[in-house]
Amino acid sequence: MPRATLGIQVQSLEGCDDLEPINAAIAHIQAAGFEYEVGSLETTIEGDDAAELMQVAIDAHRAAIAKGPDAIQTNIRLLERPTGLQTMRERVAPFRSQTAD
């Protein structure tokens, strides 16, 4: 049971089709070794140490900047509960089985 969940949204301010910096950020998150899920507007990462998750977010932001855009905006949301949290998959499971018509 994780104790922290972090949502990160990396945006290139050069336009919504500038995916290279975003893909670089996601690649960094994938390599970090935490459970994660990529969504259409943000990526969620979970683990036991909020500080480690924040460092992954900062490094993902820097990976995006390294791709050369004029500006990157990164939005971070952090949820921490020392006694533990449901996993991200547990929280969304009731909604994953539903389909839109």
PDB file of N, CA and C in Angstrom:
ATOM      1  N   MET A   1       0.846  -1.169   0.000  1.00  0.00           N
ATOM      2  CA  MET A   1       0.000   0.000   0.000  1.00  0.00           C
ATOM      3  C   MET A   1       0.896   1.237   0.000  1.00  0.00           C
ATOM      4  N   PRO A   2       0.776   2.077  -1.051  1.00  0.00           N
ATOM      5  CA  PRO A   2       1.608   3.279  -1.122  1.00  0.00           C
ATOM      6  C   PRO A   2       1.182   4.308  -0.079  1.00  0.00           C
ATOM      7  N   ARG A   3       2.117   5.178   0.251  1.00  0.00           N
ATOM      8  CA  ARG A   3       1.813   6.259   1.190  1.00  0.00           C
ATOM      9  C   ARG A   3       1.709   7.612   0.500  1.00  0.00           C
ATOM     10  N   ALA A   4       2.092   7.668  -0.784  1.00  0.00           N
ATOM     11  CA  ALA A   4       2.045   8.941  -1.506  1.00  0.00           C
ATOM     12  C   ALA A   4       1.679   8.706  -2.967  1.00  0.00           C
ATOM     13  N   THR A   5       0.919   9.635  -3.500  1.00  0.00           N
ATOM     14  CA  THR A   5       0.551   9.631  -4.913  1.00  0.00           C
ATOM     15  C   THR A   5       0.807  11.030  -5.446  1.00  0.00           C
ATOM     16  N   LEU A   6       1.436  11.093  -6.614  1.00  0.00           N
ATOM     17  CA  LEU A   6       1.763  12.369  -7.223  1.00  0.00           C
ATOM     18  C   LEU A   6       1.198  12.394  -8.631  1.00  0.00           C
ATOM     19  N   GLY A   7       0.495  13.463  -8.959  1.00  0.00           N
ATOM     20  CA  GLY A   7       0.027  13.694 -10.323  1.00  0.00           C
ATOM     21  C   GLY A   7       0.889  14.769 -10.950  1.00  0.00           C
ATOM     22  N   ILE A   8       1.383  14.508 -12.156  1.00  0.00           N
ATOM     23  CA  ILE A   8       2.237  15.482 -12.835  1.00  0.00           C
ATOM     24  C   ILE A   8       1.718  15.715 -14.251  1.00  0.00           C
ATOM     25  N   GLN A   9       1.600  16.979 -14.588  1.00  0.00           N
ATOM     26  CA  GLN A   9       1.194  17.387 -15.925  1.00  0.00           C
ATOM     27  C   GLN A   9       2.291  18.294 -16.469  1.00  0.00           C
ATOM     28  N   VAL A  10       2.920  17.858 -17.545  1.00  0.00           N
ATOM     29  CA  VAL A  10       3.985  18.630 -18.182  1.00  0.00           C
ATOM     30  C   VAL A  10       3.427  19.175 -19.488  1.00  0.00           C
ATOM     31  N   GLN A  11       3.547  20.486 -19.670  1.00  0.00           N
ATOM     32  CA  GLN A  11       3.030  21.131 -20.868  1.00  0.00           C
ATOM     33  C   GLN A  11       4.110  21.978 -21.515  1.00  0.00           C
ATOM     34  N   SER A  12       4.266  21.773 -22.795  1.00  0.00           N
ATOM     35  CA  SER A  12       5.115  22.677 -23.565  1.00  0.00           C
ATOM     36  C   SER A  12       4.281  23.906 -23.880  1.00  0.00           C
ATOM     37  N   LEU A  13       4.794  25.063 -23.597  1.00  0.00           N
ATOM     38  CA  LEU A  13       4.051  26.290 -23.873  1.00  0.00           C
ATOM     39  C   LEU A  13       4.163  26.710 -25.334  1.00  0.00           C
ATOM     40  N   GLU A  14       4.803  25.872 -26.144  1.00  0.00           N
ATOM     41  CA  GLU A  14       4.899  26.144 -27.573  1.00  0.00           C
ATOM     42  C   GLU A  14       3.723  25.555 -28.344  1.00  0.00           C
ATOM     43  N   GLY A  15       2.859  24.793 -27.694  1.00  0.00           N
ATOM     44  CA  GLY A  15       1.690  24.257 -28.376  1.00  0.00           C
ATOM     45  C   GLY A  15       1.365  22.841 -27.956  1.00  0.00           C
ATOM     46  N   CYS A  16       0.116  22.467 -28.131  1.00  0.00           N
ATOM     47  CA  CYS A  16      -0.337  21.161 -27.667  1.00  0.00           C
ATOM     48  C   CYS A  16       0.209  20.017 -28.509  1.00  0.00           C
ATOM     49  N   ASP A  17       0.734  20.299 -29.702  1.00  0.00           N
ATOM     50  CA  ASP A  17       1.282  19.238 -30.535  1.00  0.00           C
ATOM     51  C   ASP A  17       2.779  19.043 -30.345  1.00  0.00           C
ATOM     52  N   ASP A  18       3.382  19.784 -29.454  1.00  0.00           N
ATOM     53  CA  ASP A  18       4.817  19.663 -29.183  1.00  0.00           C
ATOM     54  C   ASP A  18       5.013  18.541 -28.168  1.00  0.00           C
ATOM     55  N   LEU A  19       5.030  17.295 -28.657  1.00  0.00           N
ATOM     56  CA  LEU A  19       5.045  16.131 -27.767  1.00  0.00           C
ATOM     57  C   LEU A  19       6.440  15.678 -27.355  1.00  0.00           C
ATOM     58  N   GLU A  20       7.472  16.113 -28.036  1.00  0.00           N
ATOM     59  CA  GLU A  20       8.817  15.636 -27.703  1.00  0.00           C
ATOM     60  C   GLU A  20       9.194  15.914 -26.245  1.00  0.00           C
ATOM     61  N   PRO A  21       8.978  17.118 -25.711  1.00  0.00           N
ATOM     62  CA  PRO A  21       9.299  17.345 -24.299  1.00  0.00           C
ATOM     63  C   PRO A  21       8.432  16.507 -23.354  1.00  0.00           C
ATOM     64  N   ILE A  22       7.168  16.348 -23.700  1.00  0.00           N
ATOM     65  CA  ILE A  22       6.269  15.547 -22.860  1.00  0.00           C
ATOM     66  C   ILE A  22       6.702  14.091 -22.867  1.00  0.00           C
ATOM     67  N   ASN A  23       7.041  13.583 -24.034  1.00  0.00           N
ATOM     68  CA  ASN A  23       7.513  12.200 -24.125  1.00  0.00           C
ATOM     69  C   ASN A  23       8.809  11.998 -23.343  1.00  0.00           C
ATOM     70  N   ALA A  24       9.673  13.002 -23.324  1.00  0.00           N
ATOM     71  CA  ALA A  24      10.913  12.912 -22.545  1.00  0.00           C
ATOM     72  C   ALA A  24      10.607  12.840 -21.055  1.00  0.00           C
ATOM     73  N   ALA A  25       9.635  13.627 -20.606  1.00  0.00           N
ATOM     74  CA  ALA A  25       9.239  13.596 -19.200  1.00  0.00           C
ATOM     75  C   ALA A  25       8.669  12.222 -18.832  1.00  0.00           C
ATOM     76  N   ILE A  26       7.811  11.683 -19.696  1.00  0.00           N
ATOM     77  CA  ILE A  26       7.222  10.368 -19.425  1.00  0.00           C
ATOM     78  C   ILE A  26       8.295   9.289 -19.425  1.00  0.00           C
ATOM     79  N   ALA A  27       9.246   9.367 -20.335  1.00  0.00           N
ATOM     80  CA  ALA A  27      10.334   8.382 -20.362  1.00  0.00           C
ATOM     81  C   ALA A  27      11.125   8.412 -19.060  1.00  0.00           C
ATOM     82  N   HIS A  28      11.342   9.603 -18.518  1.00  0.00           N
ATOM     83  CA  HIS A  28      12.046   9.697 -17.240  1.00  0.00           C
ATOM     84  C   HIS A  28      11.232   9.034 -16.130  1.00  0.00           C
ATOM     85  N   ILE A  29       9.939   9.284 -16.114  1.00  0.00           N
ATOM     86  CA  ILE A  29       9.067   8.682 -15.102  1.00  0.00           C
ATOM     87  C   ILE A  29       9.089   7.160 -15.229  1.00  0.00           C
ATOM     88  N   GLN A  30       9.008   6.654 -16.448  1.00  0.00           N
ATOM     89  CA  GLN A  30       9.036   5.208 -16.668  1.00  0.00           C
ATOM     90  C   GLN A  30      10.321   4.588 -16.139  1.00  0.00           C
ATOM     91  N   ALA A  31      11.433   5.274 -16.325  1.00  0.00           N
ATOM     92  CA  ALA A  31      12.733   4.752 -15.905  1.00  0.00           C
ATOM     93  C   ALA A  31      12.962   4.846 -14.401  1.00  0.00           C
ATOM     94  N   ALA A  32      12.132   5.616 -13.702  1.00  0.00           N
ATOM     95  CA  ALA A  32      12.352   5.862 -12.275  1.00  0.00           C
ATOM     96  C   ALA A  32      12.033   4.651 -11.399  1.00  0.00           C
ATOM     97  N   GLY A  33      11.249   3.706 -11.908  1.00  0.00           N
ATOM     98  CA  GLY A  33      11.006   2.477 -11.166  1.00  0.00           C
ATOM     99  C   GLY A  33       9.802   2.480 -10.233  1.00  0.00           C
ATOM    100  N   PHE A  34       8.977   3.505 -10.291  1.00  0.00           N
ATOM    101  CA  PHE A  34       7.771   3.564  -9.464  1.00  0.00           C
ATOM    102  C   PHE A  34       6.575   3.064 -10.274  1.00  0.00           C
ATOM    103  N   GLU A  35       5.518   2.687  -9.573  1.00  0.00           N
ATOM    104  CA  GLU A  35       4.261   2.404 -10.255  1.00  0.00           C
ATOM    105  C   GLU A  35       3.767   3.721 -10.834  1.00  0.00           C
ATOM    106  N   TYR A  36       3.274   3.685 -12.059  1.00  0.00           N
ATOM    107  CA  TYR A  36       2.790   4.906 -12.698  1.00  0.00           C
ATOM    108  C   TYR A  36       1.689   4.561 -13.688  1.00  0.00           C
ATOM    109  N   GLU A  37       0.918   5.551 -14.035  1.00  0.00           N
ATOM    110  CA  GLU A  37      -0.094   5.409 -15.067  1.00  0.00           C
ATOM    111  C   GLU A  37      -0.153   6.702 -15.864  1.00  0.00           C
ATOM    112  N   VAL A  38      -0.007   6.586 -17.168  1.00  0.00           N
ATOM    113  CA  VAL A  38      -0.079   7.745 -18.047  1.00  0.00           C
ATOM    114  C   VAL A  38      -1.531   7.955 -18.435  1.00  0.00           C
ATOM    115  N   GLY A  39      -2.034   9.162 -18.209  1.00  0.00           N
ATOM    116  CA  GLY A  39      -3.384   9.531 -18.600  1.00  0.00           C
ATOM    117  C   GLY A  39      -3.339  10.552 -19.718  1.00  0.00           C
ATOM    118  N   SER A  40      -4.487  10.951 -20.192  1.00  0.00           N
ATOM    119  CA  SER A  40      -4.526  11.890 -21.312  1.00  0.00           C
ATOM    120  C   SER A  40      -4.084  13.300 -20.914  1.00  0.00           C
ATOM    121  N   LEU A  41      -4.217  13.655 -19.630  1.00  0.00           N
ATOM    122  CA  LEU A  41      -3.841  15.000 -19.197  1.00  0.00           C
ATOM    123  C   LEU A  41      -2.750  15.031 -18.132  1.00  0.00           C
ATOM    124  N   GLU A  42      -2.508  13.915 -17.473  1.00  0.00           N
ATOM    125  CA  GLU A  42      -1.435  13.875 -16.479  1.00  0.00           C
ATOM    126  C   GLU A  42      -0.993  12.445 -16.265  1.00  0.00           C
ATOM    127  N   THR A  43       0.148  12.294 -15.648  1.00  0.00           N
ATOM    128  CA  THR A  43       0.669  10.990 -15.271  1.00  0.00           C
ATOM    129  C   THR A  43       0.640  10.907 -13.759  1.00  0.00           C
ATOM    130  N   THR A  44       0.218   9.763 -13.249  1.00  0.00           N
ATOM    131  CA  THR A  44       0.149   9.538 -11.812  1.00  0.00           C
ATOM    132  C   THR A  44       1.248   8.561 -11.422  1.00  0.00           C
ATOM    133  N   ILE A  45       1.953   8.892 -10.347  1.00  0.00           N
ATOM    134  CA  ILE A  45       3.034   8.065  -9.823  1.00  0.00           C
ATOM    135  C   ILE A  45       2.717   7.777  -8.362  1.00  0.00           C
ATOM    136  N   GLU A  46       3.023   6.568  -7.895  1.00  0.00           N
ATOM    137  CA  GLU A  46       2.797   6.289  -6.486  1.00  0.00           C
ATOM    138  C   GLU A  46       4.009   5.601  -5.880  1.00  0.00           C
ATOM    139  N   GLY A  47       4.186   5.831  -4.569  1.00  0.00           N
ATOM    140  CA  GLY A  47       5.304   5.242  -3.848  1.00  0.00           C
ATOM    141  C   GLY A  47       5.163   5.512  -2.365  1.00  0.00           C
ATOM    142  N   ASP A  48       6.211   5.194  -1.628  1.00  0.00           N
ATOM    143  CA  ASP A  48       6.167   5.345  -0.176  1.00  0.00           C
ATOM    144  C   ASP A  48       6.764   6.650   0.325  1.00  0.00           C
ATOM    145  N   ASP A  49       7.541   7.324  -0.494  1.00  0.00           N
ATOM    146  CA  ASP A  49       8.258   8.510  -0.037  1.00  0.00           C
ATOM    147  C   ASP A  49       7.897   9.704  -0.923  1.00  0.00           C
ATOM    148  N   ALA A  50       7.177  10.668  -0.365  1.00  0.00           N
ATOM    149  CA  ALA A  50       6.749  11.847  -1.121  1.00  0.00           C
ATOM    150  C   ALA A  50       7.939  12.623  -1.677  1.00  0.00           C
ATOM    151  N   ALA A  51       9.018  12.691  -0.920  1.00  0.00           N
ATOM    152  CA  ALA A  51      10.198  13.429  -1.388  1.00  0.00           C
ATOM    153  C   ALA A  51      10.792  12.772  -2.634  1.00  0.00           C
ATOM    154  N   GLU A  52      10.809  11.450  -2.673  1.00  0.00           N
ATOM    155  CA  GLU A  52      11.310  10.753  -3.858  1.00  0.00           C
ATOM    156  C   GLU A  52      10.419  11.014  -5.065  1.00  0.00           C
ATOM    157  N   LEU A  53       9.106  11.021  -4.851  1.00  0.00           N
ATOM    158  CA  LEU A  53       8.189  11.305  -5.953  1.00  0.00           C
ATOM    159  C   LEU A  53       8.370  12.733  -6.450  1.00  0.00           C
ATOM    160  N   MET A  54       8.573  13.678  -5.538  1.00  0.00           N
ATOM    161  CA  MET A  54       8.822  15.062  -5.941  1.00  0.00           C
ATOM    162  C   MET A  54      10.105  15.170  -6.761  1.00  0.00           C
ATOM    163  N   GLN A  55      11.124  14.413  -6.385  1.00  0.00           N
ATOM    164  CA  GLN A  55      12.376  14.447  -7.144  1.00  0.00           C
ATOM    165  C   GLN A  55      12.175  13.896  -8.547  1.00  0.00           C
ATOM    166  N   VAL A  56      11.384  12.827  -8.681  1.00  0.00           N
ATOM    167  CA  VAL A  56      11.067  12.296 -10.006  1.00  0.00           C
ATOM    168  C   VAL A  56      10.361  13.373 -10.830  1.00  0.00           C
ATOM    169  N   ALA A  57       9.424  14.093 -10.223  1.00  0.00           N
ATOM    170  CA  ALA A  57       8.690  15.146 -10.931  1.00  0.00           C
ATOM    171  C   ALA A  57       9.633  16.262 -11.378  1.00  0.00           C
ATOM    172  N   ILE A  58      10.515  16.684 -10.512  1.00  0.00           N
ATOM    173  CA  ILE A  58      11.476  17.736 -10.865  1.00  0.00           C
ATOM    174  C   ILE A  58      12.378  17.264 -12.001  1.00  0.00           C
ATOM    175  N   ASP A  59      12.858  16.034 -11.902  1.00  0.00           N
ATOM    176  CA  ASP A  59      13.732  15.504 -12.952  1.00  0.00           C
ATOM    177  C   ASP A  59      12.980  15.328 -14.276  1.00  0.00           C
ATOM    178  N   ALA A  60      11.704  14.946 -14.213  1.00  0.00           N
ATOM    179  CA  ALA A  60      10.893  14.836 -15.434  1.00  0.00           C
ATOM    180  C   ALA A  60      10.712  16.218 -16.069  1.00  0.00           C
ATOM    181  N   HIS A  61      10.489  17.227 -15.252  1.00  0.00           N
ATOM    182  CA  HIS A  61      10.378  18.604 -15.743  1.00  0.00           C
ATOM    183  C   HIS A  61      11.672  19.004 -16.460  1.00  0.00           C
ATOM    184  N   ARG A  62      12.787  18.705 -15.837  1.00  0.00           N
ATOM    185  CA  ARG A  62      14.086  19.057 -16.433  1.00  0.00           C
ATOM    186  C   ARG A  62      14.351  18.267 -17.715  1.00  0.00           C
ATOM    187  N   ALA A  63      13.883  17.015 -17.777  1.00  0.00           N
ATOM    188  CA  ALA A  63      14.027  16.224 -19.007  1.00  0.00           C
ATOM    189  C   ALA A  63      13.247  16.872 -20.140  1.00  0.00           C
ATOM    190  N   ALA A  64      12.083  17.418 -19.817  1.00  0.00           N
ATOM    191  CA  ALA A  64      11.284  18.111 -20.830  1.00  0.00           C
ATOM    192  C   ALA A  64      11.981  19.392 -21.284  1.00  0.00           C
ATOM    193  N   ILE A  65      12.503  20.152 -20.339  1.00  0.00           N
ATOM    194  CA  ILE A  65      13.232  21.398 -20.664  1.00  0.00           C
ATOM    195  C   ILE A  65      14.446  21.103 -21.547  1.00  0.00           C
ATOM    196  N   ALA A  66      15.105  19.974 -21.293  1.00  0.00           N
ATOM    197  CA  ALA A  66      16.308  19.624 -22.052  1.00  0.00           C
ATOM    198  C   ALA A  66      16.028  19.403 -23.532  1.00  0.00           C
ATOM    199  N   LYS A  67      14.782  19.222 -23.893  1.00  0.00           N
ATOM    200  CA  LYS A  67      14.426  19.040 -25.304  1.00  0.00           C
ATOM    201  C   LYS A  67      14.362  20.356 -26.064  1.00  0.00           C
ATOM    202  N   GLY A  68      14.557  21.475 -25.372  1.00  0.00           N
ATOM    203  CA  GLY A  68      14.742  22.744 -26.044  1.00  0.00           C
ATOM    204  C   GLY A  68      13.571  23.670 -26.264  1.00  0.00           C
ATOM    205  N   PRO A  69      12.400  23.405 -25.702  1.00  0.00           N
ATOM    206  CA  PRO A  69      11.324  24.377 -25.912  1.00  0.00           C
ATOM    207  C   PRO A  69      11.625  25.676 -25.172  1.00  0.00           C
ATOM    208  N   ASP A  70      10.946  26.746 -25.582  1.00  0.00           N
ATOM    209  CA  ASP A  70      11.135  28.029 -24.908  1.00  0.00           C
ATOM    210  C   ASP A  70      10.695  27.975 -23.457  1.00  0.00           C
ATOM    211  N   ALA A  71       9.612  27.222 -23.189  1.00  0.00           N
ATOM    212  CA  ALA A  71       9.093  27.168 -21.825  1.00  0.00           C
ATOM    213  C   ALA A  71       8.316  25.872 -21.607  1.00  0.00           C
ATOM    214  N   ILE A  72       8.457  25.336 -20.416  1.00  0.00           N
ATOM    215  CA  ILE A  72       7.700  24.165 -19.968  1.00  0.00           C
ATOM    216  C   ILE A  72       6.986  24.559 -18.683  1.00  0.00           C
ATOM    217  N   GLN A  73       5.715  24.234 -18.615  1.00  0.00           N
ATOM    218  CA  GLN A  73       4.963  24.419 -17.376  1.00  0.00           C
ATOM    219  C   GLN A  73       4.634  23.042 -16.829  1.00  0.00           C
ATOM    220  N   THR A  74       4.948  22.815 -15.562  1.00  0.00           N
ATOM    221  CA  THR A  74       4.667  21.545 -14.915  1.00  0.00           C
ATOM    222  C   THR A  74       3.771  21.785 -13.708  1.00  0.00           C
ATOM    223  N   ASN A  75       2.646  21.114 -13.700  1.00  0.00           N
ATOM    224  CA  ASN A  75       1.713  21.175 -12.581  1.00  0.00           C
ATOM    225  C   ASN A  75       1.842  19.879 -11.788  1.00  0.00           C
ATOM    226  N   ILE A  76       1.975  20.008 -10.476  1.00  0.00           N
ATOM    227  CA  ILE A  76       2.187  18.852  -9.610  1.00  0.00           C
ATOM    228  C   ILE A  76       1.141  18.858  -8.508  1.00  0.00           C
ATOM    229  N   ARG A  77       0.527  17.698  -8.289  1.00  0.00           N
ATOM    230  CA  ARG A  77      -0.395  17.516  -7.157  1.00  0.00           C
ATOM    231  C   ARG A  77       0.126  16.342  -6.347  1.00  0.00           C
ATOM    232  N   LEU A  78       0.187  16.510  -5.047  1.00  0.00           N
ATOM    233  CA  LEU A  78       0.751  15.485  -4.167  1.00  0.00           C
ATOM    234  C   LEU A  78      -0.247  15.150  -3.075  1.00  0.00           C
ATOM    235  N   LEU A  79      -0.511  13.856  -2.918  1.00  0.00           N
ATOM    236  CA  LEU A  79      -1.357  13.352  -1.843  1.00  0.00           C
ATOM    237  C   LEU A  79      -0.502  12.420  -1.008  1.00  0.00           C
ATOM    238  N   GLU A  80      -0.489  12.655   0.298  1.00  0.00           N
ATOM    239  CA  GLU A  80       0.325  11.813   1.180  1.00  0.00           C
ATOM    240  C   GLU A  80      -0.498  11.430   2.402  1.00  0.00           C
ATOM    241  N   ARG A  81      -0.407  10.161   2.765  1.00  0.00           N
ATOM    242  CA  ARG A  81      -1.063   9.656   3.969  1.00  0.00           C
ATOM    243  C   ARG A  81      -0.125   8.635   4.595  1.00  0.00           C
ATOM    244  N   PRO A  82       0.525   8.979   5.709  1.00  0.00           N
ATOM    245  CA  PRO A  82       1.518   8.093   6.315  1.00  0.00           C
ATOM    246  C   PRO A  82       1.006   6.691   6.627  1.00  0.00           C
ATOM    247  N   THR A  83      -0.294   6.535   6.891  1.00  0.00           N
ATOM    248  CA  THR A  83      -0.823   5.200   7.194  1.00  0.00           C
ATOM    249  C   THR A  83      -1.152   4.410   5.941  1.00  0.00           C
ATOM    250  N   GLY A  84      -1.023   5.008   4.780  1.00  0.00           N
ATOM    251  CA  GLY A  84      -1.235   4.305   3.522  1.00  0.00           C
ATOM    252  C   GLY A  84      -2.462   4.765   2.773  1.00  0.00           C
ATOM    253  N   LEU A  85      -2.415   4.557   1.471  1.00  0.00           N
ATOM    254  CA  LEU A  85      -3.481   4.941   0.545  1.00  0.00           C
ATOM    255  C   LEU A  85      -3.885   3.737  -0.294  1.00  0.00           C
ATOM    256  N   GLN A  86      -5.088   3.790  -0.841  1.00  0.00           N
ATOM    257  CA  GLN A  86      -5.432   2.829  -1.874  1.00  0.00           C
ATOM    258  C   GLN A  86      -4.486   3.055  -3.050  1.00  0.00           C
ATOM    259  N   THR A  87      -4.232   2.009  -3.801  1.00  0.00           N
ATOM    260  CA  THR A  87      -3.427   2.203  -5.003  1.00  0.00           C
ATOM    261  C   THR A  87      -4.250   2.968  -6.029  1.00  0.00           C
ATOM    262  N   MET A  88      -3.579   3.560  -6.990  1.00  0.00           N
ATOM    263  CA  MET A  88      -4.293   4.296  -8.030  1.00  0.00           C
ATOM    264  C   MET A  88      -5.220   3.362  -8.804  1.00  0.00           C
ATOM    265  N   ARG A  89      -4.808   2.136  -9.010  1.00  0.00           N
ATOM    266  CA  ARG A  89      -5.648   1.178  -9.732  1.00  0.00           C
ATOM    267  C   ARG A  89      -6.893   0.816  -8.934  1.00  0.00           C
ATOM    268  N   GLU A  90      -6.755   0.693  -7.622  1.00  0.00           N
ATOM    269  CA  GLU A  90      -7.917   0.414  -6.782  1.00  0.00           C
ATOM    270  C   GLU A  90      -8.919   1.574  -6.836  1.00  0.00           C
ATOM    271  N   ARG A  91      -8.411   2.798  -6.833  1.00  0.00           N
ATOM    272  CA  ARG A  91      -9.289   3.964  -6.831  1.00  0.00           C
ATOM    273  C   ARG A  91     -10.081   4.119  -8.119  1.00  0.00           C
ATOM    274  N   VAL A  92      -9.494   3.709  -9.228  1.00  0.00           N
ATOM    275  CA  VAL A  92     -10.186   3.897 -10.504  1.00  0.00           C
ATOM    276  C   VAL A  92     -10.874   2.635 -11.015  1.00  0.00           C
ATOM    277  N   ALA A  93     -10.648   1.501 -10.381  1.00  0.00           N
ATOM    278  CA  ALA A  93     -11.203   0.231 -10.857  1.00  0.00           C
ATOM    279  C   ALA A  93     -12.713   0.264 -11.095  1.00  0.00           C
ATOM    280  N   PRO A  94     -13.509   0.875 -10.210  1.00  0.00           N
ATOM    281  CA  PRO A  94     -14.952   0.877 -10.457  1.00  0.00           C
ATOM    282  C   PRO A  94     -15.350   1.601 -11.752  1.00  0.00           C
ATOM    283  N   PHE A  95     -14.512   2.476 -12.233  1.00  0.00           N
ATOM    284  CA  PHE A  95     -14.829   3.264 -13.412  1.00  0.00           C
ATOM    285  C   PHE A  95     -14.246   2.687 -14.685  1.00  0.00           C
ATOM    286  N   ARG A  96     -13.263   1.823 -14.561  1.00  0.00           N
ATOM    287  CA  ARG A  96     -12.597   1.249 -15.730  1.00  0.00           C
ATOM    288  C   ARG A  96     -13.489   0.251 -16.464  1.00  0.00           C
ATOM    289  N   SER A  97     -14.399  -0.365 -15.785  1.00  0.00           N
ATOM    290  CA  SER A  97     -15.256  -1.353 -16.428  1.00  0.00           C
ATOM    291  C   SER A  97     -16.422  -0.702 -17.166  1.00  0.00           C
ATOM    292  N   GLN A  98     -16.638   0.573 -16.937  1.00  0.00           N
ATOM    293  CA  GLN A  98     -17.719   1.279 -17.618  1.00  0.00           C
ATOM    294  C   GLN A  98     -17.260   1.724 -19.009  1.00  0.00           C
ATOM    295  N   THR A  99     -18.160   1.659 -19.954  1.00  0.00           N
ATOM    296  CA  THR A  99     -17.831   2.133 -21.305  1.00  0.00           C
ATOM    297  C   THR A  99     -18.829   3.211 -21.699  1.00  0.00           C
ATOM    298  N   ALA A 100     -18.362   4.133 -22.498  1.00  0.00           N
ATOM    299  CA  ALA A 100     -19.231   5.203 -22.992  1.00  0.00           C
ATOM    300  C   ALA A 100     -19.914   4.736 -24.278  1.00  0.00           C
ATOM    301  N   ASP A 101     -21.119   5.173 -24.474  1.00  0.00           N
ATOM    302  CA  ASP A 101     -21.845   4.812 -25.703  1.00  0.00           C
ATOM    303  C   ASP A 101     -21.529   5.764 -26.820  1.00  0.00           C
TER     304      ASP A 101
END
